[in-house]
Amino acid sequence: MISVKDFAEALQQLAAEHGEEEIVSIGAARGQIDGLENPFVIHTRSDDMYYLPSEAIRHRFTIEKTLSHQAVKKLRKWLDPDTPSDQLPKNAFTIVRAVFSDNRDMEVRYCTSYSGSSWVEAVLVTKGTGYPLTRTDARFGFLGEWTIQHGNTLYTLVLSEGET
């Protein structure tokens, strides 16, 4: 469980990022949302939803990686719902892997769909075996922050586009 102090710190971070938005409700969810297990859900007047961890975070790991301009351009094309299926990769594959110092890896994976839009997800795996521990919800964009909570550890991978 999370302490009042840790919850207050998470709220302060949310306030720093989102300023003056008015909170309509705070609740709890079951299962995993945005890589967090059983998160607190904050719903704002602007109809946005934010998720806070329900367990105290004891360890934080952050890795930043840059993807080449050509790779970003190709991935955007593959994620475009208007791209014909014969121009999509035939199999899912790992776009990038972040290796954390605690024997965990985070893989951001491209997943092909021939009946709808392809998507991207992040998967936390054990180093070496590649056994999946948990994953994020599917996204249709790949740049930005990918965060997964596993137990009391928060793993973050930030992907950005390199210069042309």
Protein backbone atom coordinates (compact mmCIF):
# COMPACT_ATOMS: atom_id res chain seq x y z
CA MET A 1 0.00 0.00 0.00
CA ILE A 2 1.01 3.59 -0.42
CA SER A 3 1.61 5.91 2.50
CA VAL A 4 -0.14 9.28 2.81
CA LYS A 5 3.26 10.94 2.29
CA ASP A 6 3.96 9.02 -0.94
CA PHE A 7 0.43 9.71 -2.22
CA ALA A 8 0.87 13.43 -1.46
CA GLU A 9 4.19 13.44 -3.35
CA ALA A 10 2.53 11.78 -6.36
CA LEU A 11 -0.25 14.40 -6.23
CA GLN A 12 2.36 17.19 -6.07
CA GLN A 13 4.05 15.82 -9.18
CA LEU A 14 0.69 15.63 -10.95
CA ALA A 15 -0.05 19.22 -9.92
CA ALA A 16 3.32 20.39 -11.22
CA GLU A 17 2.60 18.80 -14.61
CA HIS A 18 -1.08 19.76 -14.98
CA GLY A 19 -1.47 22.99 -13.02
CA GLU A 20 -4.91 24.33 -12.32
CA GLU A 21 -7.16 21.50 -13.55
CA GLU A 22 -10.06 20.87 -11.19
CA ILE A 23 -10.47 17.36 -9.79
CA VAL A 24 -13.97 15.90 -10.12
CA SER A 25 -13.32 12.53 -8.49
CA ILE A 26 -10.63 10.22 -7.14
CA GLY A 27 -11.17 6.47 -7.23
CA ALA A 28 -9.29 3.22 -7.57
CA ALA A 29 -9.06 0.82 -10.48
CA ARG A 30 -8.43 -2.91 -10.53
CA GLY A 31 -5.87 -4.37 -12.86
CA GLN A 32 -3.28 -2.56 -14.87
CA ILE A 33 -3.68 0.83 -16.54
CA ASP A 34 -0.78 2.65 -18.22
CA GLY A 35 1.66 0.20 -16.66
CA LEU A 36 0.47 0.79 -13.07
CA GLU A 37 -1.02 -2.00 -10.97
CA ASN A 38 -4.37 -1.09 -9.35
CA PRO A 39 -3.84 2.67 -9.71
CA PHE A 40 -5.72 5.55 -8.18
CA VAL A 41 -7.74 7.28 -10.90
CA ILE A 42 -8.12 11.05 -10.86
CA HIS A 43 -10.81 12.45 -13.13
CA THR A 44 -10.70 16.19 -13.87
CA ARG A 45 -13.33 18.70 -14.93
CA SER A 46 -11.72 18.86 -18.40
CA ASP A 47 -12.58 15.14 -18.68
CA ASP A 48 -8.96 14.02 -18.50
CA MET A 49 -7.94 11.03 -16.41
CA TYR A 50 -4.66 10.62 -14.58
CA TYR A 51 -3.33 7.57 -12.81
CA LEU A 52 -1.26 7.46 -9.62
CA PRO A 53 0.45 4.41 -8.16
CA SER A 54 -1.32 2.58 -5.36
CA GLU A 55 1.91 1.18 -3.97
CA ALA A 56 4.83 3.15 -2.61
CA ILE A 57 7.55 3.41 -5.22
CA ARG A 58 10.85 2.38 -3.65
CA HIS A 59 13.01 2.30 -6.80
CA ARG A 60 12.91 4.39 -9.96
CA PHE A 61 14.82 3.71 -13.15
CA THR A 62 14.78 6.03 -16.16
CA ILE A 63 16.49 5.55 -19.51
CA GLU A 64 16.35 7.93 -22.46
CA LYS A 65 16.83 6.69 -26.02
CA THR A 66 16.82 8.44 -29.38
CA LEU A 67 15.43 6.90 -32.55
CA SER A 68 16.75 7.94 -35.95
CA HIS A 69 14.61 10.18 -38.12
CA GLN A 70 14.34 7.38 -40.72
CA ALA A 71 13.13 4.86 -38.13
CA VAL A 72 10.52 7.31 -36.81
CA LYS A 73 9.27 8.02 -40.35
CA LYS A 74 8.94 4.29 -41.12
CA LEU A 75 7.15 3.53 -37.84
CA ARG A 76 4.71 6.40 -38.33
CA LYS A 77 3.85 5.00 -41.76
CA TRP A 78 3.26 1.51 -40.34
CA LEU A 79 1.05 2.91 -37.56
CA ASP A 80 -1.02 4.98 -40.00
CA PRO A 81 -4.41 3.23 -40.36
CA ASP A 82 -4.47 4.19 -44.05
CA THR A 83 -1.34 2.18 -44.86
CA PRO A 84 -2.33 -0.90 -46.92
CA SER A 85 -1.77 -4.20 -45.09
CA ASP A 86 0.61 -5.47 -47.80
CA GLN A 87 2.99 -2.63 -46.82
CA LEU A 88 3.06 -3.59 -43.13
CA PRO A 89 5.65 -5.85 -41.49
CA LYS A 90 4.47 -9.46 -41.39
CA ASN A 91 5.45 -10.02 -37.75
CA ALA A 92 5.61 -8.07 -34.51
CA PHE A 93 9.08 -6.90 -33.49
CA THR A 94 10.91 -4.96 -30.79
CA ILE A 95 11.51 -1.31 -31.74
CA VAL A 96 13.87 -0.58 -28.86
CA ARG A 97 15.04 -2.28 -25.68
CA ALA A 98 16.10 -0.57 -22.47
CA VAL A 99 18.29 -2.60 -20.14
CA PHE A 100 17.82 -1.68 -16.48
CA SER A 101 20.36 -2.44 -13.77
CA ASP A 102 18.05 -4.78 -11.81
CA ASN A 103 17.86 -7.59 -14.41
CA ARG A 104 14.75 -6.19 -16.08
CA ASP A 105 14.41 -5.01 -19.68
CA MET A 106 11.66 -2.91 -21.19
CA GLU A 107 10.86 -3.61 -24.81
CA VAL A 108 8.76 -1.24 -26.88
CA ARG A 109 7.13 -3.50 -29.45
CA TYR A 110 5.41 -2.85 -32.76
CA CYS A 111 2.41 -5.17 -33.18
CA THR A 112 0.91 -5.84 -36.61
CA SER A 113 -2.82 -6.03 -37.17
CA TYR A 114 -4.30 -6.94 -40.51
CA SER A 115 -7.89 -6.38 -39.43
CA GLY A 116 -7.44 -2.94 -37.85
CA SER A 117 -4.77 -0.48 -36.83
CA SER A 118 -1.34 -1.71 -35.78
CA TRP A 119 -0.23 -0.61 -32.33
CA VAL A 120 2.75 -0.22 -30.01
CA GLU A 121 3.12 -1.49 -26.45
CA ALA A 122 5.85 -1.63 -23.83
CA VAL A 123 6.59 -4.93 -22.11
CA LEU A 124 8.70 -5.41 -18.99
CA VAL A 125 10.64 -8.67 -19.28
CA THR A 126 13.20 -10.61 -17.27
CA LYS A 127 16.69 -10.12 -18.60
CA GLY A 128 18.00 -13.11 -20.49
CA THR A 129 14.83 -15.21 -20.67
CA GLY A 130 12.59 -12.46 -22.04
CA TYR A 131 9.73 -13.72 -19.85
CA PRO A 132 7.05 -10.97 -19.85
CA LEU A 133 6.21 -9.62 -16.39
CA THR A 134 3.71 -6.89 -17.31
CA ARG A 135 2.83 -4.59 -20.20
CA THR A 136 1.27 -1.24 -20.94
CA ASP A 137 -1.98 -0.62 -22.74
CA ALA A 138 -1.71 -0.41 -26.53
CA ARG A 139 -0.82 2.98 -28.01
CA PHE A 140 -0.81 4.28 -31.54
CA GLY A 141 2.23 6.49 -31.02
CA PHE A 142 5.66 5.44 -29.82
CA LEU A 143 7.56 8.62 -28.93
CA GLY A 144 7.45 10.01 -25.42
CA GLU A 145 7.41 8.39 -22.01
CA TRP A 146 6.72 4.71 -21.40
CA THR A 147 6.23 3.88 -17.72
CA ILE A 148 5.62 0.52 -16.09
CA GLN A 149 5.25 -0.18 -12.38
CA HIS A 150 6.19 -3.67 -11.23
CA GLY A 151 5.90 -4.17 -7.50
CA ASN A 152 7.54 -1.20 -5.81
CA THR A 153 9.69 -0.30 -8.81
CA LEU A 154 8.87 2.24 -11.50
CA TYR A 155 10.55 1.77 -14.88
CA THR A 156 10.53 4.65 -17.37
CA LEU A 157 11.80 4.73 -20.93
CA VAL A 158 11.71 8.04 -22.81
CA LEU A 159 11.87 7.83 -26.59
CA SER A 160 12.67 10.85 -28.74
CA GLU A 161 13.40 11.51 -32.39
CA GLY A 162 16.94 12.34 -33.42
CA GLU A 163 17.96 15.18 -35.68
CA THR A 164 17.66 14.73 -39.43
